[in-house]
Structure formats: C-alpha cells, structure tokens
N, C-alpha and C. Protein backbone atom coordinates (compact mmCIF):
# COMPACT_ATOMS: atom_id res chain seq x y z
N MET A 1 -21.00 242.73 77.82
CA MET A 1 -21.15 242.03 78.88
C MET A 1 -22.27 241.25 78.70
N THR A 2 -22.35 240.06 78.60
CA THR A 2 -23.09 238.90 78.68
C THR A 2 -23.66 238.99 80.29
N PRO A 3 -25.14 238.68 80.32
CA PRO A 3 -25.62 238.98 81.78
C PRO A 3 -25.43 237.28 81.99
N PRO A 4 -25.57 237.23 83.32
CA PRO A 4 -25.28 236.05 83.74
C PRO A 4 -26.35 234.96 83.33
N ALA A 5 -26.01 233.67 83.00
CA ALA A 5 -26.96 232.65 82.71
C ALA A 5 -28.18 232.06 83.90
N LYS A 6 -29.23 232.22 83.59
CA LYS A 6 -30.21 232.06 84.41
C LYS A 6 -30.12 230.01 84.73
N PRO A 7 -30.39 229.73 85.65
CA PRO A 7 -30.01 228.41 86.04
C PRO A 7 -31.50 227.77 85.29
N PRO A 8 -31.38 226.57 85.26
CA PRO A 8 -32.28 226.05 84.45
C PRO A 8 -33.63 225.44 84.95
N ARG A 9 -34.58 225.71 84.25
CA ARG A 9 -36.02 225.67 85.43
C ARG A 9 -36.07 224.26 85.75
N PRO A 10 -36.57 223.71 86.78
CA PRO A 10 -36.99 222.89 87.53
C PRO A 10 -38.15 221.79 86.55
N ILE A 11 -37.86 220.47 85.96
CA ILE A 11 -38.75 219.40 85.68
C ILE A 11 -39.64 219.07 86.54
N ALA A 12 -40.77 219.53 86.08
CA ALA A 12 -41.91 218.52 86.69
C ALA A 12 -41.80 216.89 86.41
N THR A 13 -42.10 216.24 87.96
CA THR A 13 -41.92 215.28 87.93
C THR A 13 -43.13 214.62 88.73
N PRO A 14 -43.36 212.88 88.25
CA PRO A 14 -44.24 212.37 89.43
C PRO A 14 -43.41 211.58 90.39
N CYS A 15 -42.51 211.28 90.25
CA CYS A 15 -41.39 210.72 91.27
C CYS A 15 -41.31 211.37 92.64
N VAL A 16 -41.74 210.34 93.31
CA VAL A 16 -42.11 210.18 94.85
C VAL A 16 -40.77 209.53 95.68
N LYS A 17 -39.79 209.55 94.99
CA LYS A 17 -38.68 208.71 95.64
C LYS A 17 -38.71 207.71 96.03
N VAL A 18 -39.75 206.64 95.69
CA VAL A 18 -39.70 205.09 95.73
C VAL A 18 -39.56 204.38 94.38
N CYS A 19 -38.41 204.30 94.29
CA CYS A 19 -37.71 204.14 93.21
C CYS A 19 -37.48 202.22 92.96
N ALA A 20 -38.60 201.76 92.50
CA ALA A 20 -38.17 200.10 92.28
C ALA A 20 -39.48 199.89 91.63
N VAL A 21 -38.83 198.97 90.25
CA VAL A 21 -39.71 198.97 89.51
C VAL A 21 -40.09 197.28 89.40
N ASP A 22 -41.78 197.04 89.27
CA ASP A 22 -42.16 195.92 89.57
C ASP A 22 -42.00 195.01 87.92
N GLY A 23 -41.20 193.61 88.46
CA GLY A 23 -41.07 192.79 87.25
C GLY A 23 -42.47 192.40 86.80
N ALA A 24 -43.59 192.52 86.94
CA ALA A 24 -44.32 191.67 86.29
C ALA A 24 -45.30 192.78 85.65
N SER A 25 -45.80 194.00 86.09
CA SER A 25 -46.02 195.22 85.52
C SER A 25 -45.01 196.15 84.45
N GLY A 26 -44.10 196.15 84.85
CA GLY A 26 -43.00 196.91 84.28
C GLY A 26 -43.12 198.27 84.85
N TYR A 27 -44.03 198.88 85.90
CA TYR A 27 -44.08 199.79 86.56
C TYR A 27 -43.44 200.60 87.68
N CYS A 28 -43.00 201.58 88.17
CA CYS A 28 -42.33 201.83 89.11
C CYS A 28 -43.65 201.77 90.29
N LEU A 29 -42.96 201.60 91.65
CA LEU A 29 -43.90 201.20 92.43
C LEU A 29 -44.30 202.95 93.16
N GLY A 30 -43.23 203.61 92.88
CA GLY A 30 -43.90 204.82 93.50
C GLY A 30 -44.14 205.86 92.71
N CYS A 31 -44.21 206.01 91.12
CA CYS A 31 -45.23 206.87 90.27
C CYS A 31 -45.34 206.16 89.30
N ARG A 32 -45.36 204.83 89.08
CA ARG A 32 -46.05 204.21 87.68
C ARG A 32 -45.68 204.48 86.83
N ARG A 33 -43.90 204.76 86.41
CA ARG A 33 -43.97 204.90 84.69
C ARG A 33 -43.00 204.01 84.74
N THR A 34 -42.85 203.69 83.10
CA THR A 34 -41.75 202.57 82.94
C THR A 34 -40.18 202.89 83.25
N LEU A 35 -39.59 201.80 82.69
CA LEU A 35 -38.30 202.41 82.98
C LEU A 35 -37.49 203.51 81.85
N ALA A 36 -38.32 203.17 80.47
CA ALA A 36 -38.33 203.96 79.32
C ALA A 36 -38.29 205.33 79.73
N GLU A 37 -39.74 205.45 80.09
CA GLU A 37 -40.69 206.87 80.66
C GLU A 37 -39.17 207.64 81.95
N ILE A 38 -38.81 206.75 82.90
CA ILE A 38 -37.95 207.25 83.48
C ILE A 38 -36.69 207.61 83.01
N ALA A 39 -36.30 206.53 82.41
CA ALA A 39 -35.06 207.26 81.69
C ALA A 39 -34.88 208.51 80.70
N GLY A 40 -36.06 208.40 80.20
CA GLY A 40 -36.34 210.01 79.27
C GLY A 40 -37.07 210.88 79.60
N TRP A 41 -37.43 211.04 80.74
CA TRP A 41 -38.00 212.18 81.29
C TRP A 41 -37.42 213.46 80.86
N ALA A 42 -36.22 213.49 81.10
CA ALA A 42 -35.36 214.91 80.96
C ALA A 42 -35.54 215.37 79.72
N ARG A 43 -35.39 214.28 78.59
CA ARG A 43 -35.85 214.63 76.99
C ARG A 43 -36.85 214.96 76.91
N PHE A 44 -37.52 214.36 77.42
CA PHE A 44 -39.29 214.48 76.84
C PHE A 44 -39.55 215.95 76.60
N SER A 45 -40.58 216.56 76.11
CA SER A 45 -40.76 217.81 75.92
C SER A 45 -41.70 217.90 76.97
N ASP A 46 -42.64 219.43 77.24
CA ASP A 46 -43.13 219.27 78.86
C ASP A 46 -44.53 218.55 78.05
N GLU A 47 -45.10 218.89 76.86
CA GLU A 47 -46.36 218.06 76.11
C GLU A 47 -46.29 216.46 76.57
N GLU A 48 -45.13 215.80 76.28
CA GLU A 48 -44.94 214.52 76.12
C GLU A 48 -44.94 214.25 77.63
N ARG A 49 -44.07 214.48 78.83
CA ARG A 49 -44.36 214.42 80.25
C ARG A 49 -45.74 214.75 80.87
N ALA A 50 -46.42 215.87 80.11
CA ALA A 50 -47.87 215.82 80.62
C ALA A 50 -48.48 214.82 80.41
N THR A 51 -48.62 214.47 78.90
CA THR A 51 -49.27 213.43 78.31
C THR A 51 -49.05 211.73 79.49
N ILE A 52 -47.80 211.61 79.73
CA ILE A 52 -47.54 210.47 80.22
C ILE A 52 -48.30 210.68 82.05
N THR A 53 -48.16 211.80 82.38
CA THR A 53 -48.33 212.13 83.86
C THR A 53 -49.79 211.74 83.92
N ALA A 54 -50.78 212.28 82.97
CA ALA A 54 -51.92 212.19 82.63
C ALA A 54 -52.54 210.80 82.67
N THR A 55 -51.55 209.88 82.23
CA THR A 55 -52.29 208.81 82.11
C THR A 55 -51.76 207.49 83.38
N LEU A 56 -51.16 208.38 84.42
CA LEU A 56 -50.67 207.62 85.23
C LEU A 56 -51.60 207.17 86.24
N THR A 57 -52.84 207.78 86.27
CA THR A 57 -53.61 207.19 87.95
C THR A 57 -54.58 206.03 87.08
N ASP A 58 -54.33 206.02 85.61
CA ASP A 58 -55.35 205.36 85.20
C ASP A 58 -54.35 203.64 84.71
N ARG A 59 -53.10 203.64 84.93
CA ARG A 59 -52.53 202.41 85.24
C ARG A 59 -52.95 201.89 86.39
N PRO A 60 -52.36 200.44 86.45
CA PRO A 60 -52.68 199.38 87.62
C PRO A 60 -51.49 199.91 88.81
N ASP A 61 -52.25 199.81 90.09
CA ASP A 61 -51.24 199.95 91.06
C ASP A 61 -50.39 198.78 91.22
N PRO A 62 -49.01 198.89 90.77
CA PRO A 62 -48.43 197.46 91.31
C PRO A 62 -48.17 197.18 92.52
N MET A 63 -48.79 198.27 93.53
CA MET A 63 -48.08 197.73 95.39
C MET A 63 -49.60 196.92 95.20
N ILE A 64 -50.26 197.04 94.74
CA ILE A 64 -51.62 196.18 94.97
C ILE A 64 -51.11 194.83 94.57
N ALA A 65 -50.59 194.49 93.62
CA ALA A 65 -50.06 193.42 92.79
C ALA A 65 -48.68 192.37 93.84
N LEU A 66 -48.24 193.29 94.19
CA LEU A 66 -47.00 193.08 95.35
C LEU A 66 -47.73 192.54 96.40
N MET A 67 -48.22 193.24 97.17
CA MET A 67 -48.66 193.17 98.55
C MET A 67 -49.70 191.82 98.36
N ALA A 68 -50.62 191.31 97.23
CA ALA A 68 -51.48 190.19 97.14
C ALA A 68 -50.29 189.30 96.87
N ALA A 69 -49.45 189.26 96.39
CA ALA A 69 -48.48 188.23 95.90
C ALA A 69 -47.81 187.88 97.45
N THR A 70 -47.61 188.92 98.05
CA THR A 70 -46.66 188.39 99.55
C THR A 70 -47.37 187.93 100.46
N THR A 71 -48.85 188.18 100.33
CA THR A 71 -49.58 188.03 101.51
C THR A 71 -50.90 186.07 100.70
N GLY A 72 -50.15 185.77 99.78
CA GLY A 72 -50.80 184.76 98.79
C GLY A 72 -52.51 184.83 99.03
N ARG A 73 -53.03 186.75 98.66
CA ARG A 73 -54.49 186.67 98.20
C ARG A 73 -54.25 187.05 96.69
C-alpha cells in the first residue's frame, strides 16, 4: 500500500496582497516584484526566489513615485 501523498510545502513569497504594477517602474506596489517575477514565482527554484527577495529592498519604492505624481511634488 502506498502511503498518502504529502501536501506540497508552501512557497515563501513577499506578496502582501496589494497587487498593482506601477507602469513607470514596472514594480508591484505591494511587493516590488516585476510581472515576470510574479508570473514565474512558482516555477523558480528556492535559490532564485531567495535572490530576488534579497534585492527587493534595494529597488525603488513605486509608492513614493506614485504619491509624488498624485500630489504634484
């Protein structure tokens, strides 16, 4: 008899459920990933996801640019 299959382990993600991509920067307003990174996330290796995650805080915050554009500053 085959033992029951284990459920897949969850994939770590920087997603914060604020999913909108800034047209100027190409970064998600919530997690700062690009559309290509978001689309490929489940297929990336743990190492690829860790590398991307490590770069997110170095990316410009698209919310700052968006807020500046809406307030005229």
